């Protein structure tokens, strides 16, 4: 059976690259318990990029509703690495077909500063694509999500 589906969907108010892809879907009975299902859930790599100038000793993190993003616990969040031009980059794997929410947080020696605005949202609908997310600090309406086909 041949089916077309959108690769990814971004949250309301976000900018998103969209595409259609054709998938061949085989229908076969599948039996597994909840534990097996959780362990074998399909995941996709996501690269987060944010440009922000911060003080020496401060760090930028991505915290969100998935374990790879700390499950809203800043101490377990994805810590980004600094690159030339005040670009902060980090990667994580997130499950497909689930709503992903996240925020950018600046950790200082005196505590954390969360960006203003609503949570950023996206959903990866296919396991054959990695995602590249670009965002600007405190501009949660401007979240660019780009899909790239994974090579076999």
C-alpha atoms as a PDB file:
ATOM      1  CA  UNK A   1       0.000   0.000   0.000  1.00  0.00           C
ATOM      2  CA  UNK A   2       1.305   3.443  -0.871  1.00  0.00           C
ATOM      3  CA  UNK A   3       0.576   6.394   1.389  1.00  0.00           C
ATOM      4  CA  UNK A   4       1.521  10.089   1.391  1.00  0.00           C
ATOM      5  CA  UNK A   5       2.011  11.961   4.633  1.00  0.00           C
ATOM      6  CA  UNK A   6       3.503  15.212   5.799  1.00  0.00           C
ATOM      7  CA  UNK A   7       7.017  14.831   7.222  1.00  0.00           C
ATOM      8  CA  UNK A   8       6.652  17.138  10.160  1.00  0.00           C
ATOM      9  CA  UNK A   9       4.376  19.650  11.722  1.00  0.00           C
ATOM     10  CA  UNK A  10       5.338  22.635  13.787  1.00  0.00           C
ATOM     11  CA  UNK A  11       3.363  24.158  16.621  1.00  0.00           C
ATOM     12  CA  UNK A  12       0.923  27.010  16.162  1.00  0.00           C
ATOM     13  CA  UNK A  13       2.548  30.304  15.318  1.00  0.00           C
ATOM     14  CA  UNK A  14       5.788  28.649  14.185  1.00  0.00           C
ATOM     15  CA  UNK A  15       7.400  28.632  10.766  1.00  0.00           C
ATOM     16  CA  UNK A  16       7.886  25.177   9.323  1.00  0.00           C
ATOM     17  CA  UNK A  17       9.365  23.553   6.244  1.00  0.00           C
ATOM     18  CA  UNK A  18       6.899  21.000   4.970  1.00  0.00           C
ATOM     19  CA  UNK A  19       7.214  18.192   2.500  1.00  0.00           C
ATOM     20  CA  UNK A  20       5.392  15.137   1.291  1.00  0.00           C
ATOM     21  CA  UNK A  21       6.956  11.739   1.091  1.00  0.00           C
ATOM     22  CA  UNK A  22       5.643   8.425  -0.114  1.00  0.00           C
ATOM     23  CA  UNK A  23       5.914   5.509   2.307  1.00  0.00           C
ATOM     24  CA  UNK A  24       5.359   1.860   1.584  1.00  0.00           C
ATOM     25  CA  UNK A  25       3.485   0.479   4.555  1.00  0.00           C
ATOM     26  CA  UNK A  26       3.302  -3.237   5.193  1.00  0.00           C
ATOM     27  CA  UNK A  27       0.379  -4.435   7.287  1.00  0.00           C
ATOM     28  CA  UNK A  28       1.394  -7.249   9.608  1.00  0.00           C
ATOM     29  CA  UNK A  29       0.213  -8.283  13.055  1.00  0.00           C
ATOM     30  CA  UNK A  30       2.470  -6.951  15.780  1.00  0.00           C
ATOM     31  CA  UNK A  31       2.511  -8.205  19.332  1.00  0.00           C
ATOM     32  CA  UNK A  32       4.453  -6.568  22.117  1.00  0.00           C
ATOM     33  CA  UNK A  33       3.926  -5.454  25.657  1.00  0.00           C
ATOM     34  CA  UNK A  34       4.092  -1.807  26.762  1.00  0.00           C
ATOM     35  CA  UNK A  35       7.707  -2.126  27.937  1.00  0.00           C
ATOM     36  CA  UNK A  36       8.848  -3.516  24.558  1.00  0.00           C
ATOM     37  CA  UNK A  37       6.985  -0.766  22.737  1.00  0.00           C
ATOM     38  CA  UNK A  38       8.645   1.988  24.788  1.00  0.00           C
ATOM     39  CA  UNK A  39      12.106   0.499  24.255  1.00  0.00           C
ATOM     40  CA  UNK A  40      11.679   0.153  20.485  1.00  0.00           C
ATOM     41  CA  UNK A  41       9.909   3.457  19.770  1.00  0.00           C
ATOM     42  CA  UNK A  42      11.233   5.085  16.623  1.00  0.00           C
ATOM     43  CA  UNK A  43      13.323   8.166  17.238  1.00  0.00           C
ATOM     44  CA  UNK A  44      14.827  10.821  15.021  1.00  0.00           C
ATOM     45  CA  UNK A  45      17.898  12.977  15.554  1.00  0.00           C
ATOM     46  CA  UNK A  46      17.194  16.664  16.148  1.00  0.00           C
ATOM     47  CA  UNK A  47      19.800  19.428  16.076  1.00  0.00           C
ATOM     48  CA  UNK A  48      18.936  22.607  17.951  1.00  0.00           C
ATOM     49  CA  UNK A  49      20.603  25.920  17.071  1.00  0.00           C
ATOM     50  CA  UNK A  50      20.178  29.227  18.827  1.00  0.00           C
ATOM     51  CA  UNK A  51      22.192  32.416  18.482  1.00  0.00           C
ATOM     52  CA  UNK A  52      22.654  34.347  21.741  1.00  0.00           C
ATOM     53  CA  UNK A  53      25.480  36.283  23.327  1.00  0.00           C
ATOM     54  CA  UNK A  54      25.862  35.429  27.001  1.00  0.00           C
ATOM     55  CA  UNK A  55      28.451  36.081  29.695  1.00  0.00           C
ATOM     56  CA  UNK A  56      31.454  33.855  30.364  1.00  0.00           C
ATOM     57  CA  UNK A  57      30.417  30.964  32.649  1.00  0.00           C
ATOM     58  CA  UNK A  58      26.789  30.977  31.526  1.00  0.00           C
ATOM     59  CA  UNK A  59      25.346  28.107  29.493  1.00  0.00           C
ATOM     60  CA  UNK A  60      22.393  27.638  27.178  1.00  0.00           C
ATOM     61  CA  UNK A  61      20.169  24.590  27.496  1.00  0.00           C
ATOM     62  CA  UNK A  62      17.111  23.115  25.805  1.00  0.00           C
ATOM     63  CA  UNK A  63      14.549  21.799  28.269  1.00  0.00           C
ATOM     64  CA  UNK A  64      11.335  20.087  27.234  1.00  0.00           C
ATOM     65  CA  UNK A  65       8.713  17.401  27.701  1.00  0.00           C
ATOM     66  CA  UNK A  66      10.905  14.470  26.589  1.00  0.00           C
ATOM     67  CA  UNK A  67      13.569  12.582  28.551  1.00  0.00           C
ATOM     68  CA  UNK A  68      16.250  13.638  26.033  1.00  0.00           C
ATOM     69  CA  UNK A  69      15.335  17.249  26.855  1.00  0.00           C
ATOM     70  CA  UNK A  70      15.282  16.763  30.617  1.00  0.00           C
ATOM     71  CA  UNK A  71      11.523  16.230  31.108  1.00  0.00           C
ATOM     72  CA  UNK A  72      11.221  19.907  32.159  1.00  0.00           C
ATOM     73  CA  UNK A  73      14.083  19.509  34.680  1.00  0.00           C
ATOM     74  CA  UNK A  74      16.824  22.051  33.840  1.00  0.00           C
ATOM     75  CA  UNK A  75      19.473  19.988  35.657  1.00  0.00           C
ATOM     76  CA  UNK A  76      18.836  17.168  33.119  1.00  0.00           C
ATOM     77  CA  UNK A  77      18.291  19.404  30.063  1.00  0.00           C
ATOM     78  CA  UNK A  78      20.260  19.229  26.817  1.00  0.00           C
ATOM     79  CA  UNK A  79      23.297  21.491  27.213  1.00  0.00           C
ATOM     80  CA  UNK A  80      24.290  23.314  24.031  1.00  0.00           C
ATOM     81  CA  UNK A  81      27.881  23.902  22.936  1.00  0.00           C
ATOM     82  CA  UNK A  82      29.216  27.316  21.920  1.00  0.00           C
ATOM     83  CA  UNK A  83      30.435  27.934  18.356  1.00  0.00           C
ATOM     84  CA  UNK A  84      31.997  30.980  16.704  1.00  0.00           C
ATOM     85  CA  UNK A  85      29.540  33.860  16.316  1.00  0.00           C
ATOM     86  CA  UNK A  86      27.635  33.141  19.566  1.00  0.00           C
ATOM     87  CA  UNK A  87      25.898  30.153  17.978  1.00  0.00           C
ATOM     88  CA  UNK A  88      24.872  27.431  20.439  1.00  0.00           C
ATOM     89  CA  UNK A  89      24.273  23.907  19.079  1.00  0.00           C
ATOM     90  CA  UNK A  90      23.178  20.587  20.550  1.00  0.00           C
ATOM     91  CA  UNK A  91      21.624  17.318  19.389  1.00  0.00           C
ATOM     92  CA  UNK A  92      19.178  14.832  20.865  1.00  0.00           C
ATOM     93  CA  UNK A  93      16.958  11.998  19.673  1.00  0.00           C
ATOM     94  CA  UNK A  94      13.210  12.441  20.081  1.00  0.00           C
ATOM     95  CA  UNK A  95      10.346  10.038  19.359  1.00  0.00           C
ATOM     96  CA  UNK A  96       8.322  10.325  16.155  1.00  0.00           C
ATOM     97  CA  UNK A  97       4.574  10.983  16.160  1.00  0.00           C
ATOM     98  CA  UNK A  98       4.628  12.730  19.542  1.00  0.00           C
ATOM     99  CA  UNK A  99       4.122  16.391  20.321  1.00  0.00           C
ATOM    100  CA  UNK A 100       7.451  17.820  21.428  1.00  0.00           C
ATOM    101  CA  UNK A 101       7.526  21.008  23.497  1.00  0.00           C
ATOM    102  CA  UNK A 102      10.642  22.886  24.585  1.00  0.00           C
ATOM    103  CA  UNK A 103      12.077  26.184  25.807  1.00  0.00           C
ATOM    104  CA  UNK A 104      15.552  27.696  25.793  1.00  0.00           C
ATOM    105  CA  UNK A 105      17.095  28.364  29.214  1.00  0.00           C
ATOM    106  CA  UNK A 106      20.219  30.312  30.176  1.00  0.00           C
ATOM    107  CA  UNK A 107      21.935  28.827  33.238  1.00  0.00           C
ATOM    108  CA  UNK A 108      24.012  31.240  35.310  1.00  0.00           C
ATOM    109  CA  UNK A 109      25.954  30.743  38.538  1.00  0.00           C
ATOM    110  CA  UNK A 110      23.007  32.482  40.252  1.00  0.00           C
ATOM    111  CA  UNK A 111      20.149  30.438  38.727  1.00  0.00           C
ATOM    112  CA  UNK A 112      18.281  30.068  35.438  1.00  0.00           C
ATOM    113  CA  UNK A 113      16.672  32.505  33.054  1.00  0.00           C
ATOM    114  CA  UNK A 114      13.900  31.034  30.898  1.00  0.00           C
ATOM    115  CA  UNK A 115      13.056  32.702  27.613  1.00  0.00           C
ATOM    116  CA  UNK A 116       9.780  34.605  27.428  1.00  0.00           C
ATOM    117  CA  UNK A 117       6.821  33.414  25.377  1.00  0.00           C
ATOM    118  CA  UNK A 118       4.923  30.194  24.945  1.00  0.00           C
ATOM    119  CA  UNK A 119       6.509  26.768  24.608  1.00  0.00           C
ATOM    120  CA  UNK A 120       8.011  25.953  21.233  1.00  0.00           C
ATOM    121  CA  UNK A 121       6.337  22.936  19.601  1.00  0.00           C
ATOM    122  CA  UNK A 122       7.016  20.485  16.795  1.00  0.00           C
ATOM    123  CA  UNK A 123       6.228  16.930  15.777  1.00  0.00           C
ATOM    124  CA  UNK A 124       8.365  14.563  13.705  1.00  0.00           C
ATOM    125  CA  UNK A 125       5.998  12.415  11.658  1.00  0.00           C
ATOM    126  CA  UNK A 126       8.518  10.167   9.939  1.00  0.00           C
ATOM    127  CA  UNK A 127      11.538   8.136  11.082  1.00  0.00           C
ATOM    128  CA  UNK A 128      13.453   8.628   7.812  1.00  0.00           C
ATOM    129  CA  UNK A 129      14.302  12.264   8.467  1.00  0.00           C
ATOM    130  CA  UNK A 130      16.459  14.218  10.878  1.00  0.00           C
ATOM    131  CA  UNK A 131      15.329  17.651  12.017  1.00  0.00           C
ATOM    132  CA  UNK A 132      17.247  20.902  12.256  1.00  0.00           C
ATOM    133  CA  UNK A 133      15.624  23.489  14.522  1.00  0.00           C
ATOM    134  CA  UNK A 134      16.734  27.123  14.477  1.00  0.00           C
ATOM    135  CA  UNK A 135      15.371  29.624  16.944  1.00  0.00           C
ATOM    136  CA  UNK A 136      15.945  33.083  18.348  1.00  0.00           C
ATOM    137  CA  UNK A 137      16.025  33.835  22.067  1.00  0.00           C
ATOM    138  CA  UNK A 138      12.703  35.192  23.406  1.00  0.00           C
ATOM    139  CA  UNK A 139      11.064  34.899  19.977  1.00  0.00           C
ATOM    140  CA  UNK A 140       9.101  31.678  20.396  1.00  0.00           C
ATOM    141  CA  UNK A 141       6.961  32.449  17.350  1.00  0.00           C
ATOM    142  CA  UNK A 142      10.027  32.218  15.130  1.00  0.00           C
ATOM    143  CA  UNK A 143      11.004  28.560  15.269  1.00  0.00           C
ATOM    144  CA  UNK A 144      12.283  27.151  11.961  1.00  0.00           C
ATOM    145  CA  UNK A 145      12.032  23.377  11.562  1.00  0.00           C
ATOM    146  CA  UNK A 146      13.834  21.780   8.611  1.00  0.00           C
ATOM    147  CA  UNK A 147      13.794  18.086   7.654  1.00  0.00           C
ATOM    148  CA  UNK A 148      16.702  16.263   6.034  1.00  0.00           C
ATOM    149  CA  UNK A 149      16.480  12.740   4.688  1.00  0.00           C
ATOM    150  CA  UNK A 150      18.624  10.251   6.591  1.00  0.00           C
ATOM    151  CA  UNK A 151      21.021   8.215   4.481  1.00  0.00           C
ATOM    152  CA  UNK A 152      20.665   4.416   4.791  1.00  0.00           C
END
